[in-house]
Amino acid sequence: MKKVISMILVLLLVFGLAGCTPYRSHYKAFLFVHYNERDNAYMRFDRFEGTMVFTLHGDTPGILRYSAKLAGGSATFFYDCGDGKTEFCSIGGGDAFENTMEFPNRGTVYIIVETDGACENGDFSFALE
């Protein structure tokens, strides 16, 4: 009986630590700083290759303000607010922009950054208002 209870507790612990997010970050990076708070996130790096996932939470329908600057490489940005992964912009080396996008839903918004190979000297930020 003790073994069964111990096994159940271990399984609950493993699933609890794994979380419930449908997306996972996986990357190789050099001089990489990232931050993810309830309603804003950013990443800055000298070199980055892979996928970075941010989770933002909005209490009301709102606006996503985002900006990106990249010296080399290319990256694509996606969001998911419950309707599946949707591309909303991309950036290539030497480009920079600031923009907004309206979200009709409230709740959790996943921002997914995916690179096409290695990117250099990037600065990406996202704020849900």
Protein backbone atom coordinates (compact mmCIF):
# COMPACT_ATOMS: atom_id res chain seq x y z
CA MET A 1 0.00 0.00 0.00
CA LYS A 2 2.85 2.37 0.84
CA LYS A 3 4.43 1.71 -2.55
CA VAL A 4 1.20 2.58 -4.36
CA ILE A 5 0.78 5.83 -2.42
CA SER A 6 4.45 6.69 -2.94
CA MET A 7 4.13 6.07 -6.69
CA ILE A 8 1.02 8.25 -6.91
CA LEU A 9 2.78 11.07 -5.04
CA VAL A 10 5.80 10.84 -7.33
CA LEU A 11 3.61 10.99 -10.43
CA LEU A 12 1.71 14.00 -9.08
CA LEU A 13 4.98 15.74 -8.30
CA VAL A 14 6.40 15.06 -11.77
CA PHE A 15 3.27 16.32 -13.53
CA GLY A 16 3.04 19.31 -11.18
CA LEU A 17 6.62 20.35 -11.90
CA ALA A 18 6.18 19.89 -15.64
CA GLY A 19 3.45 22.56 -15.75
CA CYS A 20 0.54 22.84 -18.11
CA THR A 21 1.90 25.10 -20.83
CA PRO A 22 1.51 23.71 -24.35
CA TYR A 23 4.81 25.27 -25.47
CA ARG A 24 8.42 24.81 -24.36
CA SER A 25 11.49 26.98 -24.75
CA HIS A 26 14.60 25.34 -26.17
CA TYR A 27 17.59 27.29 -27.34
CA LYS A 28 21.32 27.92 -27.48
CA ALA A 29 22.34 31.44 -26.45
CA PHE A 30 25.30 33.65 -25.60
CA LEU A 31 25.00 36.79 -23.44
CA PHE A 32 21.28 36.20 -23.09
CA VAL A 33 18.95 38.01 -20.67
CA HIS A 34 15.21 37.40 -20.54
CA TYR A 35 12.37 38.45 -18.26
CA ASN A 36 8.74 37.36 -18.04
CA GLU A 37 6.30 39.05 -15.69
CA ARG A 38 2.51 38.86 -15.60
CA ASP A 39 1.90 41.37 -18.40
CA ASN A 40 5.30 42.07 -19.96
CA ALA A 41 8.38 40.24 -21.17
CA TYR A 42 11.62 40.83 -23.03
CA MET A 43 14.71 39.11 -24.31
CA ARG A 44 18.09 40.59 -25.19
CA PHE A 45 20.99 38.64 -26.55
CA ASP A 46 24.28 38.70 -28.38
CA ARG A 47 23.57 35.34 -30.04
CA PHE A 48 20.39 33.24 -29.90
CA GLU A 49 19.19 30.18 -31.78
CA GLY A 50 15.99 28.26 -31.05
CA THR A 51 12.60 28.94 -29.49
CA MET A 52 11.68 31.18 -26.55
CA VAL A 53 8.17 31.13 -25.06
CA PHE A 54 6.69 33.90 -22.91
CA THR A 55 3.41 33.70 -20.99
CA LEU A 56 1.45 36.92 -20.49
CA HIS A 57 -1.81 37.25 -18.53
CA GLY A 58 -4.47 39.86 -19.22
CA ASP A 59 -7.54 40.45 -17.09
CA THR A 60 -9.42 42.24 -19.85
CA PRO A 61 -9.29 42.30 -23.63
CA GLY A 62 -6.29 44.39 -24.46
CA ILE A 63 -3.51 45.53 -26.70
CA LEU A 64 -0.16 43.86 -27.18
CA ARG A 65 2.65 46.39 -27.66
CA TYR A 66 5.75 44.81 -29.10
CA SER A 67 9.08 45.92 -30.47
CA ALA A 68 12.02 44.16 -32.05
CA LYS A 69 15.52 45.00 -33.16
CA LEU A 70 17.89 42.50 -34.76
CA ALA A 71 21.38 42.90 -36.24
CA GLY A 72 21.69 39.52 -37.97
CA GLY A 73 19.62 36.43 -38.77
CA SER A 74 15.84 36.20 -38.81
CA ALA A 75 13.06 35.42 -36.34
CA THR A 76 9.33 34.83 -36.51
CA PHE A 77 6.85 35.78 -33.76
CA PHE A 78 3.70 33.80 -32.97
CA TYR A 79 0.93 34.15 -30.40
CA ASP A 80 -1.65 31.78 -28.98
CA CYS A 81 -4.55 33.08 -26.91
CA GLY A 82 -6.56 29.87 -27.01
CA ASP A 83 -7.18 29.58 -30.75
CA GLY A 84 -3.90 27.91 -31.74
CA LYS A 85 -0.47 29.18 -32.76
CA THR A 86 -0.71 32.15 -35.16
CA GLU A 87 2.11 34.08 -36.81
CA PHE A 88 1.91 37.84 -36.28
CA CYS A 89 5.23 39.21 -37.56
CA SER A 90 8.82 38.45 -38.45
CA ILE A 91 12.12 40.32 -38.47
CA GLY A 92 15.33 40.07 -40.46
CA GLY A 93 18.86 41.24 -39.74
CA GLY A 94 19.24 45.01 -39.75
CA ASP A 95 15.53 45.60 -39.11
CA ALA A 96 13.76 47.27 -36.18
CA PHE A 97 10.09 48.04 -35.50
CA GLU A 98 7.45 48.91 -32.88
CA ASN A 99 3.83 47.92 -33.31
CA THR A 100 0.56 47.03 -31.54
CA MET A 101 -2.04 44.32 -31.93
CA GLU A 102 -5.47 44.04 -30.34
CA PHE A 103 -6.55 40.88 -28.48
CA PRO A 104 -10.32 40.40 -28.11
CA ASN A 105 -9.88 37.57 -25.57
CA ARG A 106 -8.81 37.90 -21.99
CA GLY A 107 -6.61 35.45 -20.16
CA THR A 108 -3.33 33.80 -21.04
CA VAL A 109 -1.42 34.80 -24.16
CA TYR A 110 1.63 32.80 -25.25
CA ILE A 111 4.23 34.68 -27.26
CA ILE A 112 6.54 32.32 -29.15
CA VAL A 113 9.79 33.54 -30.73
CA GLU A 114 11.36 31.13 -33.24
CA THR A 115 14.61 31.79 -35.07
CA ASP A 116 15.67 30.53 -38.46
CA GLY A 117 19.24 29.63 -37.52
CA ALA A 118 21.36 31.86 -35.31
CA CYS A 119 20.40 35.49 -34.65
CA GLU A 120 22.75 38.23 -33.47
CA ASN A 121 22.32 41.31 -31.28
CA GLY A 122 18.59 41.13 -30.68
CA ASP A 123 16.23 43.03 -28.43
CA PHE A 124 12.57 41.92 -28.33
CA SER A 125 9.93 43.21 -25.91
CA PHE A 126 6.22 42.54 -25.36
CA ALA A 127 3.67 44.28 -23.10
CA LEU A 128 0.00 43.39 -22.71
CA GLU A 129 -2.13 46.42 -21.76
